[in-house]
Amino acid sequence: MRSREEAELVRLARVKHRDFPTGQPLGPEMVQFFKNSVARRHTKLGKIGECWAVLVPETLLEHCSLEGYTRGTLTVLVDSSPHLYELKQLLLAGLEDQLLLACKSAGLRKINLRAGRWYEEQSGDRKVNF
């Protein structure tokens, strides 16, 4: 009786079992993605980000985000019009010259400000969008 039940279970396991083809390993693709996207972006924005954090007043740092850097132009997102105006005035008052001088080795030539948000507000908390 027991062997018949075992035979039935073995048969069911064989019938119900499905072999799925194994895909390619994810590791090499993740390494390639990291090299192309993250590492390249960090080398471009790393030094500029450090200078930005040192020279821009702390009250404005939480309201702006370095969005991109292409061909010597840094694009900065600012989350509200008043902060955009204040940052623009600071840049015109000499902050832009300081940043350009400090980041000359990184190739920074121009700073563009744009109004926009890089986060979603949910009940007072900020959730970053990627």
N, C-alpha and C. Protein backbone atom coordinates (compact mmCIF):
# COMPACT_ATOMS: atom_id res chain seq x y z
N MET A 1 0.82 -1.18 0.00
CA MET A 1 0.00 0.00 0.00
C MET A 1 0.87 1.25 0.00
N ARG A 2 1.91 1.22 0.81
CA ARG A 2 2.79 2.38 0.93
C ARG A 2 3.56 2.63 -0.37
N SER A 3 4.04 1.60 -1.01
CA SER A 3 4.80 1.76 -2.23
C SER A 3 3.89 2.27 -3.36
N ARG A 4 2.63 1.88 -3.32
CA ARG A 4 1.69 2.37 -4.34
C ARG A 4 1.47 3.88 -4.19
N GLU A 5 1.35 4.34 -2.95
CA GLU A 5 1.20 5.78 -2.67
C GLU A 5 2.46 6.53 -3.07
N GLU A 6 3.61 5.94 -2.75
CA GLU A 6 4.87 6.56 -3.13
C GLU A 6 5.02 6.62 -4.64
N ALA A 7 4.63 5.58 -5.32
CA ALA A 7 4.70 5.55 -6.78
C ALA A 7 3.80 6.62 -7.38
N GLU A 8 2.62 6.77 -6.79
CA GLU A 8 1.68 7.79 -7.26
C GLU A 8 2.25 9.20 -7.05
N LEU A 9 2.90 9.43 -5.88
CA LEU A 9 3.53 10.72 -5.61
C LEU A 9 4.69 10.99 -6.57
N VAL A 10 5.48 9.99 -6.87
CA VAL A 10 6.58 10.14 -7.81
C VAL A 10 6.05 10.48 -9.19
N ARG A 11 4.98 9.78 -9.60
CA ARG A 11 4.37 10.05 -10.90
C ARG A 11 3.82 11.47 -10.95
N LEU A 12 3.13 11.91 -9.91
CA LEU A 12 2.59 13.28 -9.86
C LEU A 12 3.71 14.32 -9.89
N ALA A 13 4.77 14.06 -9.16
CA ALA A 13 5.89 14.99 -9.14
C ALA A 13 6.51 15.10 -10.52
N ARG A 14 6.64 13.97 -11.23
CA ARG A 14 7.21 13.97 -12.57
C ARG A 14 6.30 14.71 -13.55
N VAL A 15 4.99 14.50 -13.43
CA VAL A 15 4.04 15.13 -14.34
C VAL A 15 3.93 16.63 -14.08
N LYS A 16 3.89 17.00 -12.82
CA LYS A 16 3.71 18.41 -12.46
C LYS A 16 4.99 19.24 -12.57
N HIS A 17 6.12 18.60 -12.56
CA HIS A 17 7.41 19.32 -12.58
C HIS A 17 7.63 19.94 -13.96
N ARG A 18 8.02 21.22 -13.96
CA ARG A 18 8.33 21.91 -15.21
C ARG A 18 9.74 22.46 -15.11
N ASP A 19 10.51 22.21 -16.13
CA ASP A 19 11.86 22.75 -16.18
C ASP A 19 11.82 24.09 -16.91
N PHE A 20 12.32 25.10 -16.25
CA PHE A 20 12.43 26.42 -16.86
C PHE A 20 13.86 26.63 -17.31
N PRO A 21 14.03 27.15 -18.50
CA PRO A 21 15.41 27.39 -18.94
C PRO A 21 16.06 28.48 -18.09
N THR A 22 17.30 28.25 -17.74
CA THR A 22 18.01 29.25 -16.94
C THR A 22 18.48 30.36 -17.87
N GLY A 23 18.32 31.57 -17.41
CA GLY A 23 18.73 32.73 -18.19
C GLY A 23 20.20 33.04 -18.01
N GLN A 24 20.60 34.12 -18.60
CA GLN A 24 21.98 34.57 -18.48
C GLN A 24 22.21 35.11 -17.07
N PRO A 25 23.41 34.97 -16.55
CA PRO A 25 23.70 35.55 -15.23
C PRO A 25 23.53 37.07 -15.25
N LEU A 26 22.99 37.61 -14.18
CA LEU A 26 22.72 39.04 -14.10
C LEU A 26 23.96 39.84 -13.72
N GLY A 27 24.92 39.23 -13.08
CA GLY A 27 26.10 39.93 -12.59
C GLY A 27 26.85 40.74 -13.64
N PRO A 28 27.26 40.16 -14.76
CA PRO A 28 28.01 40.94 -15.75
C PRO A 28 27.22 42.12 -16.32
N GLU A 29 25.91 41.94 -16.51
CA GLU A 29 25.09 43.05 -17.01
C GLU A 29 25.01 44.18 -15.98
N MET A 30 24.93 43.84 -14.71
CA MET A 30 24.87 44.87 -13.67
C MET A 30 26.19 45.61 -13.58
N VAL A 31 27.30 44.91 -13.72
CA VAL A 31 28.62 45.56 -13.69
C VAL A 31 28.73 46.52 -14.87
N GLN A 32 28.29 46.09 -16.06
CA GLN A 32 28.35 46.94 -17.24
C GLN A 32 27.46 48.17 -17.07
N PHE A 33 26.25 47.98 -16.51
CA PHE A 33 25.35 49.11 -16.25
C PHE A 33 26.00 50.09 -15.28
N PHE A 34 26.61 49.57 -14.22
CA PHE A 34 27.26 50.43 -13.24
C PHE A 34 28.37 51.24 -13.89
N LYS A 35 29.20 50.59 -14.71
CA LYS A 35 30.31 51.30 -15.36
C LYS A 35 29.80 52.38 -16.31
N ASN A 36 28.76 52.06 -17.07
CA ASN A 36 28.26 53.01 -18.07
C ASN A 36 27.44 54.14 -17.47
N SER A 37 26.63 53.84 -16.48
CA SER A 37 25.70 54.85 -15.96
C SER A 37 26.20 55.52 -14.69
N VAL A 38 26.41 54.73 -13.67
CA VAL A 38 26.71 55.30 -12.35
C VAL A 38 28.13 55.84 -12.27
N ALA A 39 29.12 55.05 -12.64
CA ALA A 39 30.51 55.48 -12.51
C ALA A 39 30.81 56.68 -13.40
N ARG A 40 30.33 56.66 -14.63
CA ARG A 40 30.58 57.77 -15.54
C ARG A 40 29.94 59.05 -15.01
N ARG A 41 28.72 58.93 -14.53
CA ARG A 41 28.03 60.11 -14.00
C ARG A 41 28.73 60.63 -12.75
N HIS A 42 29.22 59.72 -11.91
CA HIS A 42 29.89 60.15 -10.69
C HIS A 42 31.19 60.87 -11.00
N THR A 43 31.94 60.39 -11.98
CA THR A 43 33.19 61.07 -12.30
C THR A 43 32.93 62.47 -12.83
N LYS A 44 31.83 62.63 -13.56
CA LYS A 44 31.50 63.96 -14.08
C LYS A 44 30.99 64.88 -12.98
N LEU A 45 30.06 64.39 -12.18
CA LEU A 45 29.40 65.26 -11.21
C LEU A 45 30.04 65.24 -9.82
N GLY A 46 30.97 64.32 -9.56
CA GLY A 46 31.54 64.19 -8.22
C GLY A 46 32.21 65.45 -7.73
N LYS A 47 33.18 65.95 -8.47
CA LYS A 47 33.92 67.16 -8.05
C LYS A 47 33.01 68.37 -8.04
N ILE A 48 32.14 68.47 -9.05
CA ILE A 48 31.22 69.61 -9.12
C ILE A 48 30.26 69.57 -7.94
N GLY A 49 29.79 68.39 -7.59
CA GLY A 49 28.88 68.25 -6.44
C GLY A 49 29.53 68.65 -5.13
N GLU A 50 30.79 68.29 -4.97
CA GLU A 50 31.51 68.68 -3.76
C GLU A 50 31.64 70.20 -3.67
N CYS A 51 32.02 70.83 -4.77
CA CYS A 51 32.15 72.30 -4.78
C CYS A 51 30.78 72.96 -4.54
N TRP A 52 29.76 72.41 -5.16
CA TRP A 52 28.39 72.94 -5.00
C TRP A 52 27.99 72.89 -3.53
N ALA A 53 28.25 71.76 -2.87
CA ALA A 53 27.86 71.61 -1.46
C ALA A 53 28.62 72.56 -0.55
N VAL A 54 29.84 72.91 -0.92
CA VAL A 54 30.64 73.81 -0.09
C VAL A 54 30.24 75.28 -0.30
N LEU A 55 30.01 75.67 -1.55
CA LEU A 55 29.81 77.09 -1.87
C LEU A 55 28.35 77.57 -1.77
N VAL A 56 27.39 76.70 -2.04
CA VAL A 56 25.98 77.12 -1.99
C VAL A 56 25.51 77.10 -0.54
N PRO A 57 24.78 78.12 -0.11
CA PRO A 57 24.30 78.16 1.28
C PRO A 57 23.43 76.94 1.61
N GLU A 58 23.56 76.49 2.84
CA GLU A 58 22.87 75.29 3.29
C GLU A 58 21.35 75.40 3.17
N THR A 59 20.82 76.60 3.32
CA THR A 59 19.37 76.79 3.22
C THR A 59 18.85 76.50 1.81
N LEU A 60 19.70 76.65 0.81
CA LEU A 60 19.29 76.39 -0.57
C LEU A 60 19.62 74.97 -1.03
N LEU A 61 20.55 74.31 -0.37
CA LEU A 61 20.97 72.98 -0.80
C LEU A 61 19.83 71.98 -0.85
N GLU A 62 18.94 72.03 0.13
CA GLU A 62 17.85 71.06 0.16
C GLU A 62 16.76 71.35 -0.87
N HIS A 63 16.83 72.50 -1.50
CA HIS A 63 15.82 72.88 -2.49
C HIS A 63 16.31 72.76 -3.92
N CYS A 64 17.54 72.28 -4.10
CA CYS A 64 18.05 72.14 -5.47
C CYS A 64 18.76 70.79 -5.63
N SER A 65 18.81 70.35 -6.89
CA SER A 65 19.42 69.07 -7.22
C SER A 65 20.19 69.20 -8.52
N LEU A 66 21.41 68.66 -8.54
CA LEU A 66 22.20 68.67 -9.77
C LEU A 66 21.60 67.62 -10.70
N GLU A 67 21.01 68.07 -11.80
CA GLU A 67 20.31 67.14 -12.69
C GLU A 67 21.23 66.52 -13.73
N GLY A 68 22.10 67.31 -14.32
CA GLY A 68 22.94 66.76 -15.36
C GLY A 68 24.10 67.67 -15.69
N TYR A 69 25.06 67.09 -16.41
CA TYR A 69 26.24 67.83 -16.81
C TYR A 69 26.63 67.37 -18.20
N THR A 70 26.45 68.22 -19.19
CA THR A 70 26.83 67.89 -20.56
C THR A 70 27.53 69.08 -21.20
N ARG A 71 28.62 68.78 -21.87
CA ARG A 71 29.39 69.77 -22.63
C ARG A 71 29.72 71.04 -21.83
N GLY A 72 30.09 70.85 -20.58
CA GLY A 72 30.49 71.98 -19.75
C GLY A 72 29.35 72.74 -19.12
N THR A 73 28.11 72.30 -19.35
CA THR A 73 26.95 73.00 -18.78
C THR A 73 26.32 72.15 -17.69
N LEU A 74 26.23 72.72 -16.50
CA LEU A 74 25.59 72.07 -15.37
C LEU A 74 24.14 72.49 -15.32
N THR A 75 23.22 71.53 -15.26
CA THR A 75 21.79 71.82 -15.13
C THR A 75 21.36 71.52 -13.71
N VAL A 76 20.72 72.50 -13.07
CA VAL A 76 20.31 72.38 -11.68
C VAL A 76 18.79 72.54 -11.61
N LEU A 77 18.12 71.60 -10.94
CA LEU A 77 16.68 71.70 -10.69
C LEU A 77 16.46 72.39 -9.36
N VAL A 78 15.54 73.34 -9.34
CA VAL A 78 15.19 74.05 -8.10
C VAL A 78 13.70 73.87 -7.89
N ASP A 79 13.28 73.51 -6.68
CA ASP A 79 11.91 73.06 -6.46
C ASP A 79 10.85 74.14 -6.36
N SER A 80 11.21 75.41 -6.19
CA SER A 80 10.18 76.44 -6.10
C SER A 80 10.70 77.76 -6.69
N SER A 81 9.77 78.60 -7.08
CA SER A 81 10.13 79.88 -7.70
C SER A 81 10.93 80.79 -6.76
N PRO A 82 10.53 80.92 -5.50
CA PRO A 82 11.33 81.79 -4.61
C PRO A 82 12.78 81.32 -4.45
N HIS A 83 12.97 80.01 -4.35
CA HIS A 83 14.33 79.48 -4.21
C HIS A 83 15.09 79.63 -5.53
N LEU A 84 14.40 79.48 -6.64
CA LEU A 84 15.01 79.68 -7.94
C LEU A 84 15.50 81.13 -8.08
N TYR A 85 14.68 82.07 -7.69
CA TYR A 85 15.04 83.49 -7.75
C TYR A 85 16.23 83.78 -6.84
N GLU A 86 16.19 83.26 -5.62
CA GLU A 86 17.27 83.50 -4.66
C GLU A 86 18.60 82.92 -5.16
N LEU A 87 18.54 81.70 -5.71
CA LEU A 87 19.75 81.08 -6.23
C LEU A 87 20.28 81.83 -7.44
N LYS A 88 19.38 82.29 -8.29
CA LYS A 88 19.80 83.06 -9.47
C LYS A 88 20.48 84.35 -9.05
N GLN A 89 19.94 85.02 -8.04
CA GLN A 89 20.55 86.25 -7.54
C GLN A 89 21.93 86.00 -6.95
N LEU A 90 22.06 84.88 -6.22
CA LEU A 90 23.37 84.53 -5.66
C LEU A 90 24.39 84.24 -6.76
N LEU A 91 23.95 83.53 -7.80
CA LEU A 91 24.86 83.24 -8.91
C LEU A 91 25.30 84.52 -9.60
N LEU A 92 24.38 85.45 -9.79
CA LEU A 92 24.72 86.73 -10.42
C LEU A 92 25.63 87.58 -9.54
N ALA A 93 25.52 87.41 -8.23
CA ALA A 93 26.30 88.20 -7.29
C ALA A 93 27.73 87.68 -7.14
N GLY A 94 28.09 86.62 -7.84
CA GLY A 94 29.47 86.16 -7.76
C GLY A 94 29.64 84.69 -7.45
N LEU A 95 28.58 84.02 -7.05
CA LEU A 95 28.68 82.60 -6.73
C LEU A 95 29.01 81.78 -7.99
N GLU A 96 28.46 82.19 -9.13
CA GLU A 96 28.74 81.47 -10.37
C GLU A 96 30.23 81.53 -10.72
N ASP A 97 30.83 82.69 -10.56
CA ASP A 97 32.26 82.82 -10.84
C ASP A 97 33.10 81.94 -9.91
N GLN A 98 32.70 81.88 -8.64
CA GLN A 98 33.41 81.03 -7.68
C GLN A 98 33.29 79.56 -8.08
N LEU A 99 32.08 79.13 -8.47
CA LEU A 99 31.87 77.75 -8.87
C LEU A 99 32.64 77.41 -10.14
N LEU A 100 32.62 78.32 -11.11
CA LEU A 100 33.33 78.08 -12.35
C LEU A 100 34.84 77.98 -12.12
N LEU A 101 35.35 78.80 -11.24
CA LEU A 101 36.77 78.77 -10.92
C LEU A 101 37.13 77.49 -10.16
N ALA A 102 36.30 77.13 -9.19
CA ALA A 102 36.58 75.94 -8.39
C ALA A 102 36.46 74.65 -9.21
N CYS A 103 35.60 74.65 -10.21
CA CYS A 103 35.35 73.44 -11.01
C CYS A 103 35.95 73.53 -12.40
N LYS A 104 36.92 74.39 -12.57
CA LYS A 104 37.54 74.56 -13.89
C LYS A 104 38.18 73.27 -14.38
N SER A 105 38.78 72.51 -13.46
CA SER A 105 39.42 71.26 -13.85
C SER A 105 38.41 70.21 -14.32
N ALA A 106 37.15 70.33 -13.88
CA ALA A 106 36.10 69.40 -14.31
C ALA A 106 35.47 69.86 -15.62
N GLY A 107 35.86 71.05 -16.10
CA GLY A 107 35.36 71.53 -17.38
C GLY A 107 34.07 72.32 -17.30
N LEU A 108 33.70 72.77 -16.11
CA LEU A 108 32.46 73.54 -15.95
C LEU A 108 32.61 74.92 -16.57
N ARG A 109 31.65 75.27 -17.46
CA ARG A 109 31.68 76.56 -18.13
C ARG A 109 30.41 77.37 -17.94
N LYS A 110 29.30 76.71 -17.60
CA LYS A 110 28.02 77.41 -17.53
C LYS A 110 27.09 76.67 -16.57
N ILE A 111 26.20 77.43 -15.91
CA ILE A 111 25.22 76.84 -15.00
C ILE A 111 23.83 77.27 -15.44
N ASN A 112 22.97 76.30 -15.71
CA ASN A 112 21.57 76.56 -16.07
C ASN A 112 20.68 76.16 -14.91
N LEU A 113 19.75 77.03 -14.54
CA LEU A 113 18.78 76.72 -13.50
C LEU A 113 17.44 76.42 -14.15
N ARG A 114 16.77 75.41 -13.62
CA ARG A 114 15.44 75.03 -14.10
C ARG A 114 14.52 74.79 -12.93
N ALA A 115 13.28 75.24 -13.07
CA ALA A 115 12.28 74.93 -12.04
C ALA A 115 11.81 73.50 -12.26
N GLY A 116 11.70 72.76 -11.21
CA GLY A 116 11.23 71.38 -11.31
C GLY A 116 11.48 70.63 -10.01
N ARG A 117 10.85 69.47 -9.92
CA ARG A 117 11.00 68.65 -8.71
C ARG A 117 11.59 67.30 -9.06
N TRP A 118 12.43 66.81 -8.22
CA TRP A 118 13.04 65.51 -8.37
C TRP A 118 12.48 64.55 -7.33
N TYR A 119 11.41 64.96 -6.65
CA TYR A 119 10.81 64.16 -5.59
C TYR A 119 9.29 64.33 -5.63
N GLU A 120 8.60 63.41 -4.96
CA GLU A 120 7.15 63.51 -4.75
C GLU A 120 6.93 63.76 -3.27
N GLU A 121 6.04 64.69 -2.96
CA GLU A 121 5.73 64.92 -1.55
C GLU A 121 4.55 64.06 -1.15
N GLN A 122 4.74 63.28 -0.10
CA GLN A 122 3.67 62.44 0.42
C GLN A 122 3.58 62.67 1.92
N SER A 123 2.55 63.37 2.32
CA SER A 123 2.29 63.70 3.73
C SER A 123 3.52 64.28 4.42
N GLY A 124 4.13 65.27 3.78
CA GLY A 124 5.26 65.96 4.38
C GLY A 124 6.61 65.31 4.14
N ASP A 125 6.63 64.06 3.68
CA ASP A 125 7.89 63.38 3.40
C ASP A 125 8.21 63.50 1.92
N ARG A 126 9.49 63.49 1.60
CA ARG A 126 9.91 63.57 0.21
C ARG A 126 10.33 62.18 -0.26
N LYS A 127 9.75 61.75 -1.36
CA LYS A 127 10.10 60.46 -1.96
C LYS A 127 10.78 60.77 -3.30
N VAL A 128 12.03 60.37 -3.45
CA VAL A 128 12.82 60.69 -4.62
C VAL A 128 12.32 59.90 -5.83
N ASN A 129 12.17 60.60 -6.97
CA ASN A 129 11.83 59.96 -8.24
C ASN A 129 13.11 59.62 -8.98
N PHE A 130 13.14 58.46 -9.60
CA PHE A 130 14.30 58.08 -10.40
C PHE A 130 13.91 57.99 -11.83
